[in-house]
Amino acid sequence: MGTGCSIAVGRVPMISTHTVTAADLVRPPMLTRTTRGRSCTWIAFVVPVTPLARLGESIDDALASTSAAALWDVRISYELMYVPFVFGRGCYVVEGRVP
């Protein structure tokens, strides 16, 4: 009865919500780990009942588990899981590589 989908929002070479220096803008030679972050909102019927999902929060969530200042080779998507006219959840998902 439920449905789910993932919509590709975009791909970017580098993204950050932190203050970066000129040295941070140089691509590291080894990007060894992949990290993922998300920001979600709950939906009742067709109305969001929690604050809307924010892209910046999902970037912060991905960076929180690392010591990196930025994510590289980033894929941004929006995931929606929904039981029609009952409830669901929509999330921004950011996945990127870090040294």
PDB file of N, CA and C in Angstrom:
ATOM      1  N   MET A   1       0.815  -1.196   0.000  1.00  0.00           N
ATOM      2  CA  MET A   1       0.000   0.000   0.000  1.00  0.00           C
ATOM      3  C   MET A   1       0.855   1.254   0.000  1.00  0.00           C
ATOM      4  N   GLY A   2       2.096   1.158   0.438  1.00  0.00           N
ATOM      5  CA  GLY A   2       2.966   2.329   0.471  1.00  0.00           C
ATOM      6  C   GLY A   2       3.779   2.441  -0.801  1.00  0.00           C
ATOM      7  N   THR A   3       4.401   3.575  -0.952  1.00  0.00           N
ATOM      8  CA  THR A   3       5.243   3.815  -2.108  1.00  0.00           C
ATOM      9  C   THR A   3       6.498   4.558  -1.672  1.00  0.00           C
ATOM     10  N   GLY A   4       7.517   4.441  -2.450  1.00  0.00           N
ATOM     11  CA  GLY A   4       8.756   5.148  -2.157  1.00  0.00           C
ATOM     12  C   GLY A   4       9.504   5.445  -3.435  1.00  0.00           C
ATOM     13  N   CYS A   5      10.244   6.521  -3.434  1.00  0.00           N
ATOM     14  CA  CYS A   5      11.049   6.856  -4.594  1.00  0.00           C
ATOM     15  C   CYS A   5      12.225   7.715  -4.154  1.00  0.00           C
ATOM     16  N   SER A   6      13.224   7.757  -5.002  1.00  0.00           N
ATOM     17  CA  SER A   6      14.391   8.597  -4.786  1.00  0.00           C
ATOM     18  C   SER A   6      14.596   9.419  -6.046  1.00  0.00           C
ATOM     19  N   ILE A   7      14.634  10.720  -5.902  1.00  0.00           N
ATOM     20  CA  ILE A   7      14.763  11.628  -7.030  1.00  0.00           C
ATOM     21  C   ILE A   7      16.144  12.274  -6.962  1.00  0.00           C
ATOM     22  N   ALA A   8      16.906  12.149  -8.032  1.00  0.00           N
ATOM     23  CA  ALA A   8      18.222  12.779  -8.083  1.00  0.00           C
ATOM     24  C   ALA A   8      18.040  14.290  -8.226  1.00  0.00           C
ATOM     25  N   VAL A   9      18.592  15.039  -7.291  1.00  0.00           N
ATOM     26  CA  VAL A   9      18.510  16.494  -7.326  1.00  0.00           C
ATOM     27  C   VAL A   9      19.708  17.060  -8.074  1.00  0.00           C
ATOM     28  N   GLY A  10      20.884  16.474  -7.838  1.00  0.00           N
ATOM     29  CA  GLY A  10      22.061  16.952  -8.543  1.00  0.00           C
ATOM     30  C   GLY A  10      23.342  16.335  -8.058  1.00  0.00           C
ATOM     31  N   ARG A  11      24.407  16.645  -8.771  1.00  0.00           N
ATOM     32  CA  ARG A  11      25.758  16.234  -8.418  1.00  0.00           C
ATOM     33  C   ARG A  11      26.642  17.475  -8.453  1.00  0.00           C
ATOM     34  N   VAL A  12      27.490  17.615  -7.463  1.00  0.00           N
ATOM     35  CA  VAL A  12      28.417  18.740  -7.414  1.00  0.00           C
ATOM     36  C   VAL A  12      29.805  18.201  -7.052  1.00  0.00           C
ATOM     37  N   PRO A  13      30.880  18.862  -7.526  1.00  0.00           N
ATOM     38  CA  PRO A  13      32.220  18.364  -7.231  1.00  0.00           C
ATOM     39  C   PRO A  13      32.627  18.552  -5.773  1.00  0.00           C
ATOM     40  N   MET A  14      32.162  19.641  -5.127  1.00  0.00           N
ATOM     41  CA  MET A  14      32.537  19.912  -3.739  1.00  0.00           C
ATOM     42  C   MET A  14      31.437  20.742  -3.098  1.00  0.00           C
ATOM     43  N   ILE A  15      31.154  20.452  -1.820  1.00  0.00           N
ATOM     44  CA  ILE A  15      30.126  21.223  -1.109  1.00  0.00           C
ATOM     45  C   ILE A  15      30.490  21.266   0.373  1.00  0.00           C
ATOM     46  N   SER A  16      30.134  22.384   1.023  1.00  0.00           N
ATOM     47  CA  SER A  16      30.392  22.526   2.447  1.00  0.00           C
ATOM     48  C   SER A  16      29.471  23.592   3.019  1.00  0.00           C
ATOM     49  N   THR A  17      29.180  23.479   4.296  1.00  0.00           N
ATOM     50  CA  THR A  17      28.477  24.535   5.015  1.00  0.00           C
ATOM     51  C   THR A  17      29.419  25.219   5.994  1.00  0.00           C
ATOM     52  N   HIS A  18      30.655  24.730   6.076  1.00  0.00           N
ATOM     53  CA  HIS A  18      31.668  25.315   6.944  1.00  0.00           C
ATOM     54  C   HIS A  18      32.435  26.398   6.200  1.00  0.00           C
ATOM     55  N   THR A  19      33.119  27.231   6.944  1.00  0.00           N
ATOM     56  CA  THR A  19      34.020  28.196   6.334  1.00  0.00           C
ATOM     57  C   THR A  19      35.238  27.436   5.825  1.00  0.00           C
ATOM     58  N   VAL A  20      35.554  27.618   4.556  1.00  0.00           N
ATOM     59  CA  VAL A  20      36.680  26.906   3.966  1.00  0.00           C
ATOM     60  C   VAL A  20      37.778  27.894   3.595  1.00  0.00           C
ATOM     61  N   THR A  21      39.002  27.423   3.646  1.00  0.00           N
ATOM     62  CA  THR A  21      40.150  28.237   3.252  1.00  0.00           C
ATOM     63  C   THR A  21      40.556  27.845   1.834  1.00  0.00           C
ATOM     64  N   ALA A  22      41.503  28.574   1.283  1.00  0.00           N
ATOM     65  CA  ALA A  22      41.988  28.261  -0.062  1.00  0.00           C
ATOM     66  C   ALA A  22      42.585  26.857  -0.113  1.00  0.00           C
ATOM     67  N   ALA A  23      43.218  26.432   0.968  1.00  0.00           N
ATOM     68  CA  ALA A  23      43.799  25.088   1.015  1.00  0.00           C
ATOM     69  C   ALA A  23      42.713  24.011   0.978  1.00  0.00           C
ATOM     70  N   ASP A  24      41.539  24.303   1.535  1.00  0.00           N
ATOM     71  CA  ASP A  24      40.435  23.335   1.528  1.00  0.00           C
ATOM     72  C   ASP A  24      39.846  23.142   0.142  1.00  0.00           C
ATOM     73  N   LEU A  25      40.081  24.091  -0.758  1.00  0.00           N
ATOM     74  CA  LEU A  25      39.516  24.017  -2.102  1.00  0.00           C
ATOM     75  C   LEU A  25      40.317  23.118  -3.039  1.00  0.00           C
ATOM     76  N   VAL A  26      41.485  22.671  -2.582  1.00  0.00           N
ATOM     77  CA  VAL A  26      42.307  21.758  -3.371  1.00  0.00           C
ATOM     78  C   VAL A  26      41.820  20.337  -3.110  1.00  0.00           C
ATOM     79  N   ARG A  27      41.523  19.625  -4.189  1.00  0.00           N
ATOM     80  CA  ARG A  27      41.016  18.258  -4.043  1.00  0.00           C
ATOM     81  C   ARG A  27      42.076  17.360  -3.407  1.00  0.00           C
ATOM     82  N   PRO A  28      41.725  16.676  -2.321  1.00  0.00           N
ATOM     83  CA  PRO A  28      42.680  15.752  -1.684  1.00  0.00           C
ATOM     84  C   PRO A  28      43.031  14.612  -2.647  1.00  0.00           C
ATOM     85  N   PRO A  29      44.270  14.113  -2.582  1.00  0.00           N
ATOM     86  CA  PRO A  29      44.674  13.051  -3.512  1.00  0.00           C
ATOM     87  C   PRO A  29      43.958  11.723  -3.252  1.00  0.00           C
ATOM     88  N   MET A  30      43.603  11.461  -2.006  1.00  0.00           N
ATOM     89  CA  MET A  30      42.938  10.198  -1.675  1.00  0.00           C
ATOM     90  C   MET A  30      41.618  10.472  -0.968  1.00  0.00           C
ATOM     91  N   LEU A  31      40.535  10.113  -1.607  1.00  0.00           N
ATOM     92  CA  LEU A  31      39.209  10.206  -0.986  1.00  0.00           C
ATOM     93  C   LEU A  31      38.800   8.772  -0.649  1.00  0.00           C
ATOM     94  N   THR A  32      39.039   8.380   0.588  1.00  0.00           N
ATOM     95  CA  THR A  32      38.946   6.968   0.947  1.00  0.00           C
ATOM     96  C   THR A  32      37.611   6.544   1.537  1.00  0.00           C
ATOM     97  N   ARG A  33      36.842   7.502   2.069  1.00  0.00           N
ATOM     98  CA  ARG A  33      35.585   7.127   2.734  1.00  0.00           C
ATOM     99  C   ARG A  33      34.403   7.825   2.085  1.00  0.00           C
ATOM    100  N   THR A  34      33.260   7.201   2.198  1.00  0.00           N
ATOM    101  CA  THR A  34      32.010   7.805   1.767  1.00  0.00           C
ATOM    102  C   THR A  34      31.160   8.053   3.007  1.00  0.00           C
ATOM    103  N   THR A  35      30.552   9.229   3.083  1.00  0.00           N
ATOM    104  CA  THR A  35      29.695   9.557   4.211  1.00  0.00           C
ATOM    105  C   THR A  35      28.347  10.024   3.689  1.00  0.00           C
ATOM    106  N   ARG A  36      27.342   9.878   4.513  1.00  0.00           N
ATOM    107  CA  ARG A  36      25.976  10.220   4.114  1.00  0.00           C
ATOM    108  C   ARG A  36      25.291  10.979   5.239  1.00  0.00           C
ATOM    109  N   GLY A  37      24.502  11.960   4.863  1.00  0.00           N
ATOM    110  CA  GLY A  37      23.720  12.721   5.830  1.00  0.00           C
ATOM    111  C   GLY A  37      22.318  12.937   5.306  1.00  0.00           C
ATOM    112  N   ARG A  38      21.393  13.147   6.221  1.00  0.00           N
ATOM    113  CA  ARG A  38      20.001  13.366   5.792  1.00  0.00           C
ATOM    114  C   ARG A  38      19.294  14.349   6.701  1.00  0.00           C
ATOM    115  N   SER A  39      18.294  14.991   6.134  1.00  0.00           N
ATOM    116  CA  SER A  39      17.399  15.884   6.865  1.00  0.00           C
ATOM    117  C   SER A  39      15.990  15.536   6.406  1.00  0.00           C
ATOM    118  N   CYS A  40      15.112  15.227   7.357  1.00  0.00           N
ATOM    119  CA  CYS A  40      13.791  14.688   7.004  1.00  0.00           C
ATOM    120  C   CYS A  40      12.647  15.514   7.574  1.00  0.00           C
ATOM    121  N   THR A  41      11.491  15.348   6.969  1.00  0.00           N
ATOM    122  CA  THR A  41      10.241  15.907   7.474  1.00  0.00           C
ATOM    123  C   THR A  41       9.174  14.818   7.422  1.00  0.00           C
ATOM    124  N   TRP A  42       8.291  14.815   8.413  1.00  0.00           N
ATOM    125  CA  TRP A  42       7.178  13.867   8.436  1.00  0.00           C
ATOM    126  C   TRP A  42       5.955  14.513   7.808  1.00  0.00           C
ATOM    127  N   ILE A  43       5.181  13.700   7.106  1.00  0.00           N
ATOM    128  CA  ILE A  43       4.008  14.177   6.373  1.00  0.00           C
ATOM    129  C   ILE A  43       2.790  13.402   6.862  1.00  0.00           C
ATOM    130  N   ALA A  44       1.727  14.119   7.235  1.00  0.00           N
ATOM    131  CA  ALA A  44       0.448  13.492   7.597  1.00  0.00           C
ATOM    132  C   ALA A  44      -0.578  13.925   6.551  1.00  0.00           C
ATOM    133  N   PHE A  45      -1.257  12.980   5.978  1.00  0.00           N
ATOM    134  CA  PHE A  45      -2.153  13.202   4.847  1.00  0.00           C
ATOM    135  C   PHE A  45      -1.327  13.768   3.701  1.00  0.00           C
ATOM    136  N   VAL A  46      -1.335  15.046   3.449  1.00  0.00           N
ATOM    137  CA  VAL A  46      -0.479  15.666   2.428  1.00  0.00           C
ATOM    138  C   VAL A  46       0.237  16.895   2.980  1.00  0.00           C
ATOM    139  N   VAL A  47       0.208  17.076   4.309  1.00  0.00           N
ATOM    140  CA  VAL A  47       0.746  18.278   4.948  1.00  0.00           C
ATOM    141  C   VAL A  47       1.961  17.926   5.803  1.00  0.00           C
ATOM    142  N   PRO A  48       3.081  18.643   5.654  1.00  0.00           N
ATOM    143  CA  PRO A  48       4.221  18.416   6.550  1.00  0.00           C
ATOM    144  C   PRO A  48       3.844  18.778   7.986  1.00  0.00           C
ATOM    145  N   VAL A  49       4.179  17.905   8.941  1.00  0.00           N
ATOM    146  CA  VAL A  49       3.845  18.157  10.347  1.00  0.00           C
ATOM    147  C   VAL A  49       5.086  18.482  11.186  1.00  0.00           C
ATOM    148  N   THR A  50       6.247  18.391  10.596  1.00  0.00           N
ATOM    149  CA  THR A  50       7.492  18.796  11.245  1.00  0.00           C
ATOM    150  C   THR A  50       8.152  19.826  10.338  1.00  0.00           C
ATOM    151  N   PRO A  51       9.168  20.526  10.831  1.00  0.00           N
ATOM    152  CA  PRO A  51       9.840  21.494   9.953  1.00  0.00           C
ATOM    153  C   PRO A  51      10.321  20.829   8.663  1.00  0.00           C
ATOM    154  N   LEU A  52      10.311  21.585   7.577  1.00  0.00           N
ATOM    155  CA  LEU A  52      10.696  21.053   6.276  1.00  0.00           C
ATOM    156  C   LEU A  52      12.150  20.590   6.270  1.00  0.00           C
ATOM    157  N   ALA A  53      12.422  19.581   5.466  1.00  0.00           N
ATOM    158  CA  ALA A  53      13.783  19.092   5.306  1.00  0.00           C
ATOM    159  C   ALA A  53      14.631  20.194   4.685  1.00  0.00           C
ATOM    160  N   ARG A  54      15.886  20.307   5.172  1.00  0.00           N
ATOM    161  CA  ARG A  54      16.768  21.358   4.658  1.00  0.00           C
ATOM    162  C   ARG A  54      18.070  20.745   4.163  1.00  0.00           C
ATOM    163  N   LEU A  55      18.501  21.193   3.019  1.00  0.00           N
ATOM    164  CA  LEU A  55      19.720  20.687   2.408  1.00  0.00           C
ATOM    165  C   LEU A  55      20.934  20.956   3.294  1.00  0.00           C
ATOM    166  N   GLY A  56      21.018  22.136   3.875  1.00  0.00           N
ATOM    167  CA  GLY A  56      22.140  22.480   4.742  1.00  0.00           C
ATOM    168  C   GLY A  56      22.262  21.546   5.935  1.00  0.00           C
ATOM    169  N   GLU A  57      21.133  21.137   6.500  1.00  0.00           N
ATOM    170  CA  GLU A  57      21.156  20.200   7.628  1.00  0.00           C
ATOM    171  C   GLU A  57      21.699  18.837   7.208  1.00  0.00           C
ATOM    172  N   SER A  58      21.351  18.397   6.008  1.00  0.00           N
ATOM    173  CA  SER A  58      21.846  17.099   5.555  1.00  0.00           C
ATOM    174  C   SER A  58      23.349  17.155   5.280  1.00  0.00           C
ATOM    175  N   ILE A  59      23.861  18.301   4.788  1.00  0.00           N
ATOM    176  CA  ILE A  59      25.302  18.468   4.592  1.00  0.00           C
ATOM    177  C   ILE A  59      26.009  18.458   5.954  1.00  0.00           C
ATOM    178  N   ASP A  60      25.462  19.201   6.917  1.00  0.00           N
ATOM    179  CA  ASP A  60      26.031  19.215   8.271  1.00  0.00           C
ATOM    180  C   ASP A  60      26.037  17.820   8.887  1.00  0.00           C
ATOM    181  N   ASP A  61      24.978  17.057   8.667  1.00  0.00           N
ATOM    182  CA  ASP A  61      24.881  15.706   9.196  1.00  0.00           C
ATOM    183  C   ASP A  61      25.972  14.812   8.604  1.00  0.00           C
ATOM    184  N   ALA A  62      26.219  14.946   7.308  1.00  0.00           N
ATOM    185  CA  ALA A  62      27.273  14.149   6.664  1.00  0.00           C
ATOM    186  C   ALA A  62      28.653  14.544   7.168  1.00  0.00           C
ATOM    187  N   LEU A  63      28.891  15.836   7.373  1.00  0.00           N
ATOM    188  CA  LEU A  63      30.201  16.304   7.833  1.00  0.00           C
ATOM    189  C   LEU A  63      30.431  16.032   9.319  1.00  0.00           C
ATOM    190  N   ALA A  64      29.377  15.847  10.098  1.00  0.00           N
ATOM    191  CA  ALA A  64      29.498  15.673  11.545  1.00  0.00           C
ATOM    192  C   ALA A  64      30.308  14.440  11.924  1.00  0.00           C
ATOM    193  N   SER A  65      30.250  13.407  11.119  1.00  0.00           N
ATOM    194  CA  SER A  65      30.964  12.169  11.459  1.00  0.00           C
ATOM    195  C   SER A  65      32.408  12.170  10.964  1.00  0.00           C
ATOM    196  N   THR A  66      32.853  13.278  10.379  1.00  0.00           N
ATOM    197  CA  THR A  66      34.219  13.359   9.854  1.00  0.00           C
ATOM    198  C   THR A  66      34.904  14.607  10.396  1.00  0.00           C
ATOM    199  N   SER A  67      36.186  14.706  10.134  1.00  0.00           N
ATOM    200  CA  SER A  67      36.911  15.927  10.484  1.00  0.00           C
ATOM    201  C   SER A  67      37.135  16.785   9.243  1.00  0.00           C
ATOM    202  N   ALA A  68      36.536  16.415   8.131  1.00  0.00           N
ATOM    203  CA  ALA A  68      36.721  17.133   6.866  1.00  0.00           C
ATOM    204  C   ALA A  68      35.945  18.451   6.867  1.00  0.00           C
ATOM    205  N   ALA A  69      36.445  19.403   6.097  1.00  0.00           N
ATOM    206  CA  ALA A  69      35.773  20.694   5.958  1.00  0.00           C
ATOM    207  C   ALA A  69      34.775  20.687   4.816  1.00  0.00           C
ATOM    208  N   ALA A  70      34.887  19.701   3.914  1.00  0.00           N
ATOM    209  CA  ALA A  70      34.018  19.661   2.741  1.00  0.00           C
ATOM    210  C   ALA A  70      33.812  18.224   2.280  1.00  0.00           C
ATOM    211  N   LEU A  71      32.761  18.034   1.510  1.00  0.00           N
ATOM    212  CA  LEU A  71      32.482  16.755   0.861  1.00  0.00           C
ATOM    213  C   LEU A  71      32.857  16.884  -0.608  1.00  0.00           C
ATOM    214  N   TRP A  72      33.386  15.810  -1.182  1.00  0.00           N
ATOM    215  CA  TRP A  72      33.770  15.790  -2.585  1.00  0.00           C
ATOM    216  C   TRP A  72      32.944  14.760  -3.345  1.00  0.00           C
ATOM    217  N   ASP A  73      32.779  14.974  -4.662  1.00  0.00           N
ATOM    218  CA  ASP A  73      32.006  14.062  -5.527  1.00  0.00           C
ATOM    219  C   ASP A  73      30.628  13.793  -4.911  1.00  0.00           C
ATOM    220  N   VAL A  74      29.888  14.859  -4.701  1.00  0.00           N
ATOM    221  CA  VAL A  74      28.651  14.808  -3.922  1.00  0.00           C
ATOM    222  C   VAL A  74      27.441  14.485  -4.801  1.00  0.00           C
ATOM    223  N   ARG A  75      26.608  13.603  -4.282  1.00  0.00           N
ATOM    224  CA  ARG A  75      25.333  13.278  -4.920  1.00  0.00           C
ATOM    225  C   ARG A  75      24.224  13.721  -3.973  1.00  0.00           C
ATOM    226  N   ILE A  76      23.286  14.511  -4.475  1.00  0.00           N
ATOM    227  CA  ILE A  76      22.166  15.015  -3.676  1.00  0.00           C
ATOM    228  C   ILE A  76      20.891  14.392  -4.231  1.00  0.00           C
ATOM    229  N   SER A  77      20.075  13.839  -3.342  1.00  0.00           N
ATOM    230  CA  SER A  77      18.804  13.250  -3.767  1.00  0.00           C
ATOM    231  C   SER A  77      17.715  13.581  -2.748  1.00  0.00           C
ATOM    232  N   TYR A  78      16.476  13.376  -3.166  1.00  0.00           N
ATOM    233  CA  TYR A  78      15.333  13.542  -2.273  1.00  0.00           C
ATOM    234  C   TYR A  78      14.598  12.215  -2.249  1.00  0.00           C
ATOM    235  N   GLU A  79      14.440  11.641  -1.063  1.00  0.00           N
ATOM    236  CA  GLU A  79      13.753  10.362  -0.903  1.00  0.00           C
ATOM    237  C   GLU A  79      12.388  10.595  -0.283  1.00  0.00           C
ATOM    238  N   LEU A  80      11.395   9.940  -0.826  1.00  0.00           N
ATOM    239  CA  LEU A  80      10.034  10.046  -0.312  1.00  0.00           C
ATOM    240  C   LEU A  80       9.480   8.652  -0.082  1.00  0.00           C
ATOM    241  N   MET A  81       9.047   8.388   1.149  1.00  0.00           N
ATOM    242  CA  MET A  81       8.354   7.159   1.492  1.00  0.00           C
ATOM    243  C   MET A  81       6.973   7.565   1.990  1.00  0.00           C
ATOM    244  N   TYR A  82       5.919   7.013   1.391  1.00  0.00           N
ATOM    245  CA  TYR A  82       4.588   7.559   1.633  1.00  0.00           C
ATOM    246  C   TYR A  82       3.525   6.478   1.520  1.00  0.00           C
ATOM    247  N   VAL A  83       2.628   6.446   2.484  1.00  0.00           N
ATOM    248  CA  VAL A  83       1.401   5.661   2.389  1.00  0.00           C
ATOM    249  C   VAL A  83       0.326   6.682   2.024  1.00  0.00           C
ATOM    250  N   PRO A  84      -0.207   6.622   0.798  1.00  0.00           N
ATOM    251  CA  PRO A  84      -1.092   7.686   0.301  1.00  0.00           C
ATOM    252  C   PRO A  84      -2.199   8.089   1.269  1.00  0.00           C
ATOM    253  N   PHE A  85      -2.250   9.397   1.514  1.00  0.00           N
ATOM    254  CA  PHE A  85      -3.263  10.047   2.347  1.00  0.00           C
ATOM    255  C   PHE A  85      -3.274   9.578   3.796  1.00  0.00           C
ATOM    256  N   VAL A  86      -2.152   8.978   4.263  1.00  0.00           N
ATOM    257  CA  VAL A  86      -2.046   8.566   5.653  1.00  0.00           C
ATOM    258  C   VAL A  86      -0.834   9.260   6.284  1.00  0.00           C
ATOM    259  N   PHE A  87       0.366   8.803   5.958  1.00  0.00           N
ATOM    260  CA  PHE A  87       1.574   9.415   6.502  1.00  0.00           C
ATOM    261  C   PHE A  87       2.748   9.103   5.587  1.00  0.00           C
ATOM    262  N   GLY A  88       3.840   9.790   5.827  1.00  0.00           N
ATOM    263  CA  GLY A  88       5.051   9.543   5.046  1.00  0.00           C
ATOM    264  C   GLY A  88       6.208  10.352   5.588  1.00  0.00           C
ATOM    265  N   ARG A  89       7.324  10.244   4.885  1.00  0.00           N
ATOM    266  CA  ARG A  89       8.526  10.975   5.271  1.00  0.00           C
ATOM    267  C   ARG A  89       9.293  11.354   4.013  1.00  0.00           C
ATOM    268  N   GLY A  90       9.716  12.614   3.959  1.00  0.00           N
ATOM    269  CA  GLY A  90      10.527  13.095   2.849  1.00  0.00           C
ATOM    270  C   GLY A  90      11.875  13.559   3.376  1.00  0.00           C
ATOM    271  N   CYS A  91      12.960  13.161   2.714  1.00  0.00           N
ATOM    272  CA  CYS A  91      14.309  13.457   3.205  1.00  0.00           C
ATOM    273  C   CYS A  91      15.222  13.933   2.086  1.00  0.00           C
ATOM    274  N   TYR A  92      16.009  14.976   2.365  1.00  0.00           N
ATOM    275  CA  TYR A  92      17.163  15.299   1.534  1.00  0.00           C
ATOM    276  C   TYR A  92      18.291  14.388   1.975  1.00  0.00           C
ATOM    277  N   VAL A  93      18.954  13.764   1.036  1.00  0.00           N
ATOM    278  CA  VAL A  93      20.079  12.874   1.333  1.00  0.00           C
ATOM    279  C   VAL A  93      21.291  13.356   0.566  1.00  0.00           C
ATOM    280  N   VAL A  94      22.389  13.566   1.284  1.00  0.00           N
ATOM    281  CA  VAL A  94      23.646  14.013   0.695  1.00  0.00           C
ATOM    282  C   VAL A  94      24.674  12.925   0.932  1.00  0.00           C
ATOM    283  N   GLU A  95      25.328  12.489  -0.149  1.00  0.00           N
ATOM    284  CA  GLU A  95      26.360  11.464  -0.043  1.00  0.00           C
ATOM    285  C   GLU A  95      27.604  11.979  -0.734  1.00  0.00           C
ATOM    286  N   GLY A  96      28.730  11.957  -0.007  1.00  0.00           N
ATOM    287  CA  GLY A  96      29.964  12.467  -0.570  1.00  0.00           C
ATOM    288  C   GLY A  96      31.175  11.733  -0.035  1.00  0.00           C
ATOM    289  N   ARG A  97      32.311  11.985  -0.667  1.00  0.00           N
ATOM    290  CA  ARG A  97      33.557  11.334  -0.280  1.00  0.00           C
ATOM    291  C   ARG A  97      34.434  12.294   0.508  1.00  0.00           C
ATOM    292  N   VAL A  98      35.158  11.751   1.462  1.00  0.00           N
ATOM    293  CA  VAL A  98      36.057  12.548   2.316  1.00  0.00           C
ATOM    294  C   VAL A  98      37.390  11.812   2.438  1.00  0.00           C
ATOM    295  N   PRO A  99      38.468  12.571   2.752  1.00  0.00           N
ATOM    296  CA  PRO A  99      39.786  11.910   2.919  1.00  0.00           C
ATOM    297  C   PRO A  99      39.839  11.064   4.175  1.00  0.00           C
TER     298      PRO A  99
END
